[in-house]
N, C-alpha and C. Protein backbone atom coordinates (compact mmCIF):
# COMPACT_ATOMS: atom_id res chain seq x y z
N MET A 1 -63.65 90.56 22.63
CA MET A 1 -63.04 90.93 21.38
C MET A 1 -63.15 89.76 20.41
N LEU A 2 -63.65 90.03 19.23
CA LEU A 2 -63.77 89.01 18.20
C LEU A 2 -62.54 89.05 17.33
N SER A 3 -62.08 87.89 16.93
CA SER A 3 -60.97 87.85 15.99
C SER A 3 -61.33 86.92 14.85
N VAL A 4 -60.81 87.25 13.70
CA VAL A 4 -61.03 86.42 12.52
C VAL A 4 -59.72 85.72 12.23
N ASN A 5 -59.72 84.41 12.27
CA ASN A 5 -58.54 83.61 12.03
C ASN A 5 -58.65 83.04 10.63
N HIS A 6 -57.78 83.45 9.74
CA HIS A 6 -57.87 83.04 8.35
C HIS A 6 -56.47 83.04 7.77
N THR A 7 -56.24 82.23 6.76
CA THR A 7 -54.91 82.15 6.18
C THR A 7 -54.55 83.37 5.36
N GLU A 8 -55.53 84.17 5.00
CA GLU A 8 -55.25 85.42 4.31
C GLU A 8 -56.03 86.53 5.00
N ASP A 9 -55.59 87.75 4.81
CA ASP A 9 -56.24 88.89 5.44
C ASP A 9 -57.69 88.98 4.99
N VAL A 10 -58.61 89.02 5.94
CA VAL A 10 -60.04 89.03 5.61
C VAL A 10 -60.43 90.29 4.84
N THR A 11 -59.68 91.34 4.92
CA THR A 11 -60.00 92.57 4.21
C THR A 11 -59.30 92.67 2.87
N ALA A 12 -58.55 91.66 2.49
CA ALA A 12 -57.74 91.73 1.28
C ALA A 12 -58.47 91.21 0.04
N GLY A 13 -59.78 91.36 -0.01
CA GLY A 13 -60.51 90.99 -1.21
C GLY A 13 -60.77 89.51 -1.36
N CYS A 14 -60.90 88.80 -0.27
CA CYS A 14 -61.23 87.37 -0.34
C CYS A 14 -62.58 87.22 -1.03
N THR A 15 -62.77 86.11 -1.69
CA THR A 15 -64.05 85.86 -2.34
C THR A 15 -64.94 84.96 -1.51
N ARG A 16 -64.39 84.38 -0.46
CA ARG A 16 -65.16 83.53 0.45
C ARG A 16 -64.84 83.96 1.89
N PRO A 17 -65.76 83.70 2.80
CA PRO A 17 -65.47 84.04 4.20
C PRO A 17 -64.43 83.08 4.78
N PRO A 18 -63.84 83.44 5.91
CA PRO A 18 -62.88 82.56 6.57
C PRO A 18 -63.53 81.23 6.96
N GLU A 19 -62.73 80.19 6.98
CA GLU A 19 -63.22 78.88 7.39
C GLU A 19 -63.22 78.72 8.90
N LEU A 20 -62.52 79.59 9.61
CA LEU A 20 -62.43 79.53 11.06
C LEU A 20 -62.57 80.93 11.63
N LEU A 21 -63.48 81.08 12.58
CA LEU A 21 -63.70 82.35 13.25
C LEU A 21 -63.63 82.11 14.75
N ASP A 22 -62.68 82.75 15.41
CA ASP A 22 -62.56 82.64 16.86
C ASP A 22 -63.58 83.55 17.52
N LEU A 23 -64.26 83.03 18.52
CA LEU A 23 -65.25 83.80 19.28
C LEU A 23 -64.75 83.97 20.71
N PRO A 24 -65.33 84.90 21.46
CA PRO A 24 -64.92 85.08 22.86
C PRO A 24 -65.17 83.83 23.70
N ASP A 25 -64.48 83.78 24.82
CA ASP A 25 -64.70 82.76 25.85
C ASP A 25 -64.42 81.33 25.40
N GLY A 26 -63.51 81.17 24.44
CA GLY A 26 -63.09 79.83 24.05
C GLY A 26 -64.01 79.11 23.08
N PHE A 27 -64.86 79.84 22.38
CA PHE A 27 -65.73 79.23 21.37
C PHE A 27 -65.23 79.60 19.99
N LEU A 28 -65.73 78.90 18.98
CA LEU A 28 -65.34 79.18 17.61
C LEU A 28 -66.45 78.78 16.65
N LEU A 29 -66.37 79.35 15.46
CA LEU A 29 -67.15 78.88 14.32
C LEU A 29 -66.14 78.32 13.34
N ARG A 30 -66.43 77.12 12.83
CA ARG A 30 -65.54 76.53 11.84
C ARG A 30 -66.38 75.97 10.71
N ARG A 31 -65.79 75.96 9.54
CA ARG A 31 -66.49 75.42 8.38
C ARG A 31 -66.95 74.00 8.67
N ARG A 32 -68.21 73.72 8.35
CA ARG A 32 -68.73 72.37 8.51
C ARG A 32 -68.07 71.46 7.48
N THR A 33 -67.60 70.30 7.94
CA THR A 33 -66.94 69.34 7.05
C THR A 33 -67.77 68.08 6.93
N LEU A 34 -67.39 67.22 6.01
CA LEU A 34 -68.09 65.96 5.82
C LEU A 34 -68.04 65.10 7.07
N ALA A 35 -66.96 65.21 7.85
CA ALA A 35 -66.82 64.44 9.08
C ALA A 35 -67.78 64.90 10.18
N ASP A 36 -68.43 66.04 9.99
CA ASP A 36 -69.34 66.57 11.00
C ASP A 36 -70.74 65.98 10.95
N ALA A 37 -71.05 65.19 9.95
CA ALA A 37 -72.44 64.71 9.78
C ALA A 37 -72.96 64.01 11.03
N ASP A 38 -72.19 63.10 11.61
CA ASP A 38 -72.66 62.37 12.79
C ASP A 38 -72.91 63.30 13.98
N PRO A 39 -71.92 64.13 14.38
CA PRO A 39 -72.19 65.00 15.54
C PRO A 39 -73.24 66.08 15.26
N VAL A 40 -73.34 66.55 14.02
CA VAL A 40 -74.39 67.51 13.69
C VAL A 40 -75.76 66.86 13.82
N ASN A 41 -75.88 65.64 13.30
CA ASN A 41 -77.15 64.91 13.42
C ASN A 41 -77.51 64.72 14.89
N ALA A 42 -76.55 64.32 15.70
CA ALA A 42 -76.81 64.11 17.13
C ALA A 42 -77.26 65.41 17.79
N ALA A 43 -76.64 66.54 17.42
CA ALA A 43 -77.02 67.83 18.00
C ALA A 43 -78.43 68.23 17.58
N ILE A 44 -78.78 68.01 16.33
CA ILE A 44 -80.13 68.35 15.87
C ILE A 44 -81.16 67.47 16.59
N VAL A 45 -80.90 66.18 16.64
CA VAL A 45 -81.83 65.26 17.31
C VAL A 45 -81.99 65.66 18.78
N ARG A 46 -80.88 65.99 19.43
CA ARG A 46 -80.91 66.39 20.85
C ARG A 46 -81.72 67.67 21.05
N ASN A 47 -81.73 68.54 20.04
CA ASN A 47 -82.38 69.85 20.15
C ASN A 47 -83.68 69.96 19.37
N ILE A 48 -84.20 68.86 18.86
CA ILE A 48 -85.35 68.94 17.95
C ILE A 48 -86.54 69.66 18.58
N ASP A 49 -86.82 69.43 19.85
CA ASP A 49 -87.96 70.11 20.49
C ASP A 49 -87.69 71.61 20.66
N HIS A 50 -86.44 71.98 20.81
CA HIS A 50 -86.02 73.37 20.92
C HIS A 50 -86.11 74.07 19.55
N LEU A 51 -85.83 73.35 18.48
CA LEU A 51 -85.80 73.92 17.13
C LEU A 51 -87.17 73.93 16.45
N ARG A 52 -87.97 72.92 16.72
CA ARG A 52 -89.24 72.74 16.00
C ARG A 52 -90.13 73.98 15.97
N PRO A 53 -90.28 74.74 17.05
CA PRO A 53 -91.18 75.90 16.98
C PRO A 53 -90.80 76.94 15.94
N TRP A 54 -89.49 77.02 15.59
CA TRP A 54 -89.02 78.12 14.75
C TRP A 54 -88.45 77.69 13.40
N MET A 55 -88.05 76.45 13.25
CA MET A 55 -87.37 76.00 12.04
C MET A 55 -88.27 75.06 11.24
N VAL A 56 -88.60 75.45 10.03
CA VAL A 56 -89.49 74.64 9.21
C VAL A 56 -88.90 73.26 8.94
N TRP A 57 -87.58 73.16 8.88
CA TRP A 57 -86.92 71.88 8.60
C TRP A 57 -86.88 70.97 9.82
N ALA A 58 -87.30 71.47 10.99
CA ALA A 58 -87.22 70.67 12.22
C ALA A 58 -88.56 70.05 12.60
N ASP A 59 -89.43 69.84 11.63
CA ASP A 59 -90.72 69.22 11.96
C ASP A 59 -90.55 67.79 12.44
N THR A 60 -89.55 67.10 11.93
CA THR A 60 -89.19 65.76 12.43
C THR A 60 -87.67 65.68 12.52
N ALA A 61 -87.20 64.82 13.39
CA ALA A 61 -85.75 64.64 13.53
C ALA A 61 -85.19 64.03 12.25
N PRO A 62 -84.08 64.55 11.75
CA PRO A 62 -83.51 64.02 10.52
C PRO A 62 -82.82 62.67 10.76
N THR A 63 -82.81 61.86 9.74
CA THR A 63 -82.03 60.62 9.81
C THR A 63 -80.57 60.98 9.62
N LEU A 64 -79.70 60.08 10.02
CA LEU A 64 -78.27 60.30 9.78
C LEU A 64 -78.00 60.41 8.29
N ALA A 65 -78.65 59.58 7.48
CA ALA A 65 -78.45 59.63 6.03
C ALA A 65 -78.83 61.01 5.47
N HIS A 66 -79.91 61.58 5.97
CA HIS A 66 -80.33 62.91 5.52
C HIS A 66 -79.28 63.96 5.90
N THR A 67 -78.81 63.91 7.13
CA THR A 67 -77.79 64.87 7.58
C THR A 67 -76.50 64.69 6.78
N GLN A 68 -76.12 63.47 6.48
CA GLN A 68 -74.94 63.23 5.66
C GLN A 68 -75.10 63.87 4.29
N GLU A 69 -76.27 63.72 3.69
CA GLU A 69 -76.52 64.32 2.37
C GLU A 69 -76.51 65.84 2.45
N MET A 70 -77.15 66.41 3.47
CA MET A 70 -77.15 67.87 3.63
C MET A 70 -75.73 68.40 3.86
N THR A 71 -74.93 67.65 4.58
CA THR A 71 -73.54 68.05 4.82
C THR A 71 -72.75 68.01 3.51
N ARG A 72 -72.97 66.97 2.72
CA ARG A 72 -72.29 66.87 1.42
C ARG A 72 -72.69 68.02 0.50
N VAL A 73 -73.99 68.30 0.44
CA VAL A 73 -74.48 69.41 -0.39
C VAL A 73 -73.92 70.73 0.13
N GLY A 74 -73.90 70.90 1.45
CA GLY A 74 -73.34 72.12 2.03
C GLY A 74 -71.88 72.32 1.68
N TRP A 75 -71.12 71.24 1.69
CA TRP A 75 -69.70 71.32 1.30
C TRP A 75 -69.58 71.79 -0.15
N GLN A 76 -70.40 71.22 -1.01
CA GLN A 76 -70.37 71.58 -2.43
C GLN A 76 -70.77 73.05 -2.63
N LEU A 77 -71.80 73.50 -1.92
CA LEU A 77 -72.24 74.89 -2.05
C LEU A 77 -71.17 75.87 -1.59
N TRP A 78 -70.42 75.51 -0.54
CA TRP A 78 -69.30 76.36 -0.10
C TRP A 78 -68.29 76.47 -1.24
N GLU A 79 -67.94 75.33 -1.82
CA GLU A 79 -66.97 75.33 -2.91
C GLU A 79 -67.45 76.18 -4.08
N GLU A 80 -68.76 76.19 -4.33
CA GLU A 80 -69.34 76.99 -5.41
C GLU A 80 -69.47 78.46 -5.03
N GLY A 81 -69.33 78.78 -3.74
CA GLY A 81 -69.41 80.16 -3.28
C GLY A 81 -70.82 80.67 -3.07
N SER A 82 -71.78 79.78 -2.82
CA SER A 82 -73.16 80.23 -2.68
C SER A 82 -73.74 80.06 -1.28
N ASP A 83 -73.12 79.26 -0.44
CA ASP A 83 -73.65 79.00 0.90
C ASP A 83 -72.49 78.58 1.78
N TYR A 84 -72.44 79.12 2.99
CA TYR A 84 -71.31 78.85 3.88
C TYR A 84 -71.85 78.40 5.24
N MET A 85 -71.70 77.13 5.54
CA MET A 85 -72.23 76.57 6.79
C MET A 85 -71.10 76.37 7.81
N TYR A 86 -71.39 76.77 9.04
CA TYR A 86 -70.43 76.70 10.14
C TYR A 86 -70.99 75.88 11.29
N VAL A 87 -70.08 75.23 12.00
CA VAL A 87 -70.38 74.55 13.25
C VAL A 87 -69.91 75.45 14.39
N LEU A 88 -70.75 75.64 15.39
CA LEU A 88 -70.35 76.32 16.62
C LEU A 88 -69.80 75.27 17.56
N GLY A 89 -68.60 75.50 18.07
CA GLY A 89 -68.01 74.55 18.99
C GLY A 89 -67.08 75.23 19.98
N ARG A 90 -66.48 74.43 20.82
CA ARG A 90 -65.48 74.92 21.78
C ARG A 90 -64.11 74.82 21.14
N ALA A 91 -63.28 75.81 21.36
CA ALA A 91 -61.93 75.79 20.80
C ALA A 91 -61.11 74.63 21.34
N ASP A 92 -61.34 74.25 22.60
CA ASP A 92 -60.58 73.15 23.19
C ASP A 92 -61.17 71.78 22.84
N ARG A 93 -62.31 71.77 22.17
CA ARG A 93 -62.93 70.53 21.69
C ARG A 93 -63.46 70.79 20.29
N PRO A 94 -62.57 70.87 19.31
CA PRO A 94 -62.98 71.29 17.97
C PRO A 94 -64.02 70.39 17.31
N ASP A 95 -64.18 69.16 17.81
CA ASP A 95 -65.18 68.27 17.23
C ASP A 95 -66.56 68.46 17.86
N SER A 96 -66.68 69.35 18.84
CA SER A 96 -67.97 69.58 19.50
C SER A 96 -68.92 70.32 18.57
N VAL A 97 -70.22 70.08 18.73
CA VAL A 97 -71.25 70.77 17.95
C VAL A 97 -72.26 71.35 18.94
N LEU A 98 -72.22 72.67 19.08
CA LEU A 98 -73.10 73.37 20.01
C LEU A 98 -74.10 74.25 19.28
N GLY A 99 -74.15 74.10 17.98
CA GLY A 99 -75.08 74.88 17.16
C GLY A 99 -74.57 74.97 15.74
N MET A 100 -75.34 75.63 14.92
CA MET A 100 -74.98 75.82 13.52
C MET A 100 -75.24 77.27 13.13
N PHE A 101 -74.40 77.76 12.23
CA PHE A 101 -74.54 79.11 11.68
C PHE A 101 -74.36 79.02 10.18
N GLY A 102 -74.91 79.96 9.46
CA GLY A 102 -74.74 79.97 8.02
C GLY A 102 -74.76 81.37 7.46
N LEU A 103 -74.04 81.52 6.35
CA LEU A 103 -74.13 82.71 5.50
C LEU A 103 -74.73 82.22 4.19
N HIS A 104 -75.85 82.81 3.80
CA HIS A 104 -76.60 82.29 2.66
C HIS A 104 -76.79 83.37 1.60
N ARG A 105 -76.51 83.02 0.34
CA ARG A 105 -76.72 83.93 -0.79
C ARG A 105 -78.10 83.66 -1.40
N ARG A 106 -79.13 83.85 -0.60
CA ARG A 106 -80.48 83.57 -1.08
C ARG A 106 -81.37 84.80 -1.07
N ILE A 107 -80.79 85.96 -0.87
CA ILE A 107 -81.60 87.18 -0.77
C ILE A 107 -81.25 88.20 -1.85
N GLY A 108 -80.56 87.76 -2.88
CA GLY A 108 -80.26 88.64 -3.99
C GLY A 108 -78.81 89.07 -4.03
N PRO A 109 -78.43 89.74 -5.12
CA PRO A 109 -77.04 90.14 -5.29
C PRO A 109 -76.60 91.17 -4.26
N GLY A 110 -75.32 91.09 -3.91
CA GLY A 110 -74.73 92.05 -2.98
C GLY A 110 -75.10 91.85 -1.53
N ALA A 111 -75.71 90.70 -1.21
CA ALA A 111 -76.19 90.50 0.16
C ALA A 111 -76.02 89.05 0.60
N LEU A 112 -75.84 88.88 1.90
CA LEU A 112 -75.82 87.56 2.53
C LEU A 112 -76.77 87.59 3.72
N GLU A 113 -77.44 86.46 3.94
CA GLU A 113 -78.31 86.32 5.10
C GLU A 113 -77.63 85.41 6.12
N ILE A 114 -77.65 85.81 7.38
CA ILE A 114 -77.10 85.00 8.47
C ILE A 114 -78.24 84.21 9.10
N GLY A 115 -78.01 82.92 9.29
CA GLY A 115 -78.94 82.08 10.03
C GLY A 115 -78.18 81.40 11.15
N TYR A 116 -78.88 81.01 12.21
CA TYR A 116 -78.20 80.40 13.35
C TYR A 116 -79.18 79.67 14.25
N TRP A 117 -78.64 78.71 14.96
CA TRP A 117 -79.32 78.11 16.11
C TRP A 117 -78.25 77.63 17.08
N VAL A 118 -78.58 77.65 18.36
CA VAL A 118 -77.64 77.28 19.42
C VAL A 118 -78.28 76.20 20.28
N ASP A 119 -77.47 75.22 20.66
CA ASP A 119 -77.89 74.13 21.54
C ASP A 119 -78.59 74.69 22.78
N LEU A 120 -79.72 74.09 23.14
CA LEU A 120 -80.51 74.57 24.27
C LEU A 120 -79.68 74.70 25.55
N GLY A 121 -78.75 73.79 25.77
CA GLY A 121 -77.92 73.84 26.97
C GLY A 121 -76.88 74.94 26.95
N HIS A 122 -76.77 75.66 25.83
CA HIS A 122 -75.78 76.73 25.71
C HIS A 122 -76.40 78.08 25.37
N THR A 123 -77.72 78.19 25.44
CA THR A 123 -78.35 79.48 25.19
C THR A 123 -78.10 80.40 26.38
N GLY A 124 -78.28 81.70 26.16
CA GLY A 124 -78.09 82.67 27.23
C GLY A 124 -76.65 83.00 27.52
N ARG A 125 -75.73 82.61 26.65
CA ARG A 125 -74.30 82.89 26.84
C ARG A 125 -73.74 83.82 25.77
N SER A 126 -74.61 84.46 25.02
CA SER A 126 -74.23 85.37 23.92
C SER A 126 -73.57 84.65 22.75
N LEU A 127 -73.73 83.35 22.64
CA LEU A 127 -73.11 82.62 21.53
C LEU A 127 -73.72 82.99 20.19
N ALA A 128 -75.04 83.14 20.13
CA ALA A 128 -75.68 83.55 18.88
C ALA A 128 -75.22 84.96 18.50
N THR A 129 -75.17 85.85 19.49
CA THR A 129 -74.74 87.23 19.23
C THR A 129 -73.28 87.27 18.77
N ASN A 130 -72.40 86.56 19.47
CA ASN A 130 -70.99 86.58 19.11
C ASN A 130 -70.75 85.92 17.75
N GLY A 131 -71.45 84.83 17.48
CA GLY A 131 -71.31 84.18 16.18
C GLY A 131 -71.81 85.06 15.05
N ALA A 132 -72.97 85.69 15.24
CA ALA A 132 -73.51 86.58 14.21
C ALA A 132 -72.62 87.81 14.03
N ALA A 133 -72.02 88.29 15.10
CA ALA A 133 -71.10 89.43 15.00
C ALA A 133 -69.90 89.06 14.14
N ALA A 134 -69.31 87.90 14.39
CA ALA A 134 -68.15 87.46 13.61
C ALA A 134 -68.52 87.25 12.15
N LEU A 135 -69.68 86.67 11.89
CA LEU A 135 -70.11 86.47 10.50
C LEU A 135 -70.44 87.78 9.81
N THR A 136 -70.95 88.75 10.55
CA THR A 136 -71.22 90.07 9.97
C THR A 136 -69.93 90.71 9.49
N VAL A 137 -68.90 90.69 10.34
CA VAL A 137 -67.60 91.26 9.96
C VAL A 137 -67.04 90.53 8.74
N ALA A 138 -67.07 89.21 8.77
CA ALA A 138 -66.53 88.42 7.66
C ALA A 138 -67.30 88.67 6.37
N ALA A 139 -68.62 88.73 6.46
CA ALA A 139 -69.44 88.93 5.26
C ALA A 139 -69.20 90.31 4.65
N LEU A 140 -69.17 91.34 5.48
CA LEU A 140 -68.99 92.70 4.96
C LEU A 140 -67.58 92.95 4.46
N ALA A 141 -66.64 92.06 4.77
CA ALA A 141 -65.29 92.17 4.23
C ALA A 141 -65.19 91.60 2.82
N LEU A 142 -66.19 90.85 2.40
CA LEU A 142 -66.19 90.28 1.05
C LEU A 142 -66.47 91.39 0.04
N PRO A 143 -65.73 91.41 -1.07
CA PRO A 143 -65.86 92.53 -2.01
C PRO A 143 -67.23 92.65 -2.67
N ASP A 144 -67.96 91.57 -2.77
CA ASP A 144 -69.25 91.61 -3.46
C ASP A 144 -70.44 91.74 -2.51
N VAL A 145 -70.18 91.98 -1.23
CA VAL A 145 -71.27 92.06 -0.25
C VAL A 145 -71.37 93.49 0.29
N GLU A 146 -72.53 94.09 0.10
CA GLU A 146 -72.82 95.43 0.60
C GLU A 146 -73.75 95.41 1.80
N ARG A 147 -74.45 94.27 1.99
CA ARG A 147 -75.49 94.22 3.01
C ARG A 147 -75.57 92.82 3.60
N VAL A 148 -75.80 92.76 4.90
CA VAL A 148 -76.04 91.50 5.59
C VAL A 148 -77.41 91.60 6.24
N GLU A 149 -78.17 90.51 6.18
CA GLU A 149 -79.50 90.50 6.77
C GLU A 149 -79.65 89.35 7.75
N ILE A 150 -80.48 89.56 8.75
CA ILE A 150 -80.91 88.51 9.67
C ILE A 150 -82.43 88.53 9.65
N HIS A 151 -83.05 87.39 9.38
CA HIS A 151 -84.50 87.26 9.32
C HIS A 151 -84.97 86.39 10.48
N CYS A 152 -86.06 86.77 11.10
CA CYS A 152 -86.68 85.92 12.13
C CYS A 152 -88.13 86.31 12.28
N ASP A 153 -88.91 85.40 12.81
CA ASP A 153 -90.31 85.69 13.04
C ASP A 153 -90.45 86.68 14.19
N GLU A 154 -91.47 87.50 14.11
CA GLU A 154 -91.73 88.53 15.12
C GLU A 154 -91.87 87.94 16.53
N ALA A 155 -92.37 86.72 16.64
CA ALA A 155 -92.57 86.10 17.96
C ALA A 155 -91.29 85.53 18.56
N ASN A 156 -90.24 85.42 17.76
CA ASN A 156 -88.98 84.83 18.24
C ASN A 156 -88.11 85.92 18.87
N ALA A 157 -88.43 86.28 20.09
CA ALA A 157 -87.75 87.38 20.78
C ALA A 157 -86.26 87.12 20.96
N ALA A 158 -85.88 85.90 21.26
CA ALA A 158 -84.46 85.59 21.46
C ALA A 158 -83.67 85.81 20.18
N SER A 159 -84.22 85.37 19.06
CA SER A 159 -83.52 85.55 17.79
C SER A 159 -83.49 87.02 17.38
N ALA A 160 -84.56 87.74 17.61
CA ALA A 160 -84.61 89.16 17.26
C ALA A 160 -83.67 90.00 18.11
N ALA A 161 -83.34 89.53 19.30
CA ALA A 161 -82.42 90.27 20.16
C ALA A 161 -81.01 90.34 19.57
N VAL A 162 -80.64 89.33 18.78
CA VAL A 162 -79.28 89.27 18.23
C VAL A 162 -79.01 90.45 17.30
N PRO A 163 -79.77 90.67 16.23
CA PRO A 163 -79.46 91.80 15.36
C PRO A 163 -79.61 93.14 16.07
N ARG A 164 -80.54 93.22 16.99
CA ARG A 164 -80.73 94.46 17.74
C ARG A 164 -79.45 94.79 18.52
N LYS A 165 -78.88 93.80 19.21
CA LYS A 165 -77.64 94.01 19.98
C LYS A 165 -76.47 94.39 19.09
N LEU A 166 -76.50 93.92 17.84
CA LEU A 166 -75.38 94.15 16.93
C LEU A 166 -75.53 95.42 16.11
N GLY A 167 -76.57 96.20 16.38
CA GLY A 167 -76.75 97.46 15.67
C GLY A 167 -77.35 97.33 14.28
N TYR A 168 -77.97 96.20 13.99
CA TYR A 168 -78.70 96.08 12.73
C TYR A 168 -79.93 96.99 12.80
N ARG A 169 -80.38 97.39 11.65
CA ARG A 169 -81.58 98.23 11.54
C ARG A 169 -82.75 97.36 11.09
N LEU A 170 -83.89 97.49 11.77
CA LEU A 170 -85.09 96.79 11.33
C LEU A 170 -85.58 97.49 10.07
N ASP A 171 -85.44 96.82 8.93
CA ASP A 171 -85.78 97.41 7.64
C ASP A 171 -87.27 97.32 7.35
N ARG A 172 -87.84 96.15 7.66
CA ARG A 172 -89.26 95.97 7.36
C ARG A 172 -89.79 94.71 8.03
N VAL A 173 -91.10 94.61 8.06
CA VAL A 173 -91.78 93.42 8.52
C VAL A 173 -92.54 92.87 7.32
N ALA A 174 -92.18 91.66 6.91
CA ALA A 174 -92.79 91.04 5.73
C ALA A 174 -93.86 90.05 6.17
N GLU A 175 -95.04 90.20 5.62
CA GLU A 175 -96.13 89.27 5.90
C GLU A 175 -95.95 88.04 5.01
N ARG A 176 -96.09 86.88 5.61
CA ARG A 176 -95.99 85.63 4.85
C ARG A 176 -96.70 84.55 5.65
N PRO A 177 -97.06 83.46 5.00
CA PRO A 177 -97.68 82.38 5.77
C PRO A 177 -96.69 81.81 6.79
N ALA A 178 -97.17 81.53 7.97
CA ALA A 178 -96.32 80.90 8.99
C ALA A 178 -95.89 79.53 8.48
N SER A 179 -94.61 79.19 8.67
CA SER A 179 -94.10 77.91 8.18
C SER A 179 -93.63 76.98 9.29
N ALA A 180 -93.59 77.48 10.52
CA ALA A 180 -93.22 76.66 11.67
C ALA A 180 -94.25 76.92 12.78
N PRO A 181 -94.42 76.00 13.71
CA PRO A 181 -95.52 76.06 14.67
C PRO A 181 -95.65 77.34 15.49
N ALA A 182 -94.55 77.95 15.92
CA ALA A 182 -94.64 79.13 16.79
C ALA A 182 -94.65 80.45 16.02
N GLU A 183 -94.52 80.39 14.71
CA GLU A 183 -94.44 81.61 13.92
C GLU A 183 -95.79 82.33 13.81
N THR A 184 -95.70 83.66 13.67
CA THR A 184 -96.88 84.50 13.47
C THR A 184 -97.14 84.76 11.99
N GLY A 185 -96.11 84.57 11.17
CA GLY A 185 -96.21 84.93 9.76
C GLY A 185 -95.72 86.34 9.49
N ARG A 186 -95.20 86.99 10.52
CA ARG A 186 -94.62 88.33 10.36
C ARG A 186 -93.11 88.22 10.52
N LYS A 187 -92.41 88.29 9.38
CA LYS A 187 -90.95 88.11 9.38
C LYS A 187 -90.26 89.47 9.53
N LEU A 188 -89.44 89.58 10.58
CA LEU A 188 -88.62 90.78 10.79
C LEU A 188 -87.38 90.66 9.91
N ILE A 189 -87.09 91.71 9.16
CA ILE A 189 -85.91 91.71 8.29
C ILE A 189 -84.98 92.81 8.78
N TRP A 190 -83.88 92.36 9.39
CA TRP A 190 -82.87 93.25 9.97
C TRP A 190 -81.73 93.38 8.98
N ILE A 191 -81.19 94.60 8.84
CA ILE A 191 -80.15 94.88 7.85
C ILE A 191 -78.98 95.62 8.48
N LYS A 192 -77.78 95.22 8.04
CA LYS A 192 -76.56 95.97 8.37
C LYS A 192 -75.84 96.18 7.05
N GLU A 193 -75.49 97.42 6.77
CA GLU A 193 -74.83 97.75 5.50
C GLU A 193 -73.39 98.16 5.73
N ARG A 194 -72.60 97.98 4.68
CA ARG A 194 -71.18 98.34 4.74
C ARG A 194 -71.03 99.83 4.94
């Protein structure tokens, strides 16, 4: 059972998603803060070989300074209401970083795109599915969101399994140049509507 932990009712016309989302089995998604730069950087560096095949930004391990800047920009974008970055962690260790999730307003009005990655040592535990499920509920509760999308390359079977399990509909396959080493250039666009 997923629960949304927020200081106000998530269905009461909030303009931003909750900063904290409880997930099953003692995990959570929480808003990424400026204090997260060091552990986020360590998690990315630890997982760089796991991320590189699928993430264009993972071609090289980021410096701590780069992660600090991205964290600062992410904080500002949340405040502006255009991008919402979350840290996946354990509820009993709130400072842990086991992956990252995001809700992104980069696909046009009335829609948010969910992105995610999970630490290699924690894959296969439904964390991506549970995190995406919680973000789907939170996103569709926002008054200006009618549609949530998950995009992934056709070759990324693990990532494509997430929207399929959550009842998203495969809307289309978009041809584009491959931008990461394992990509085919065929982007699956999964949609869930209110």
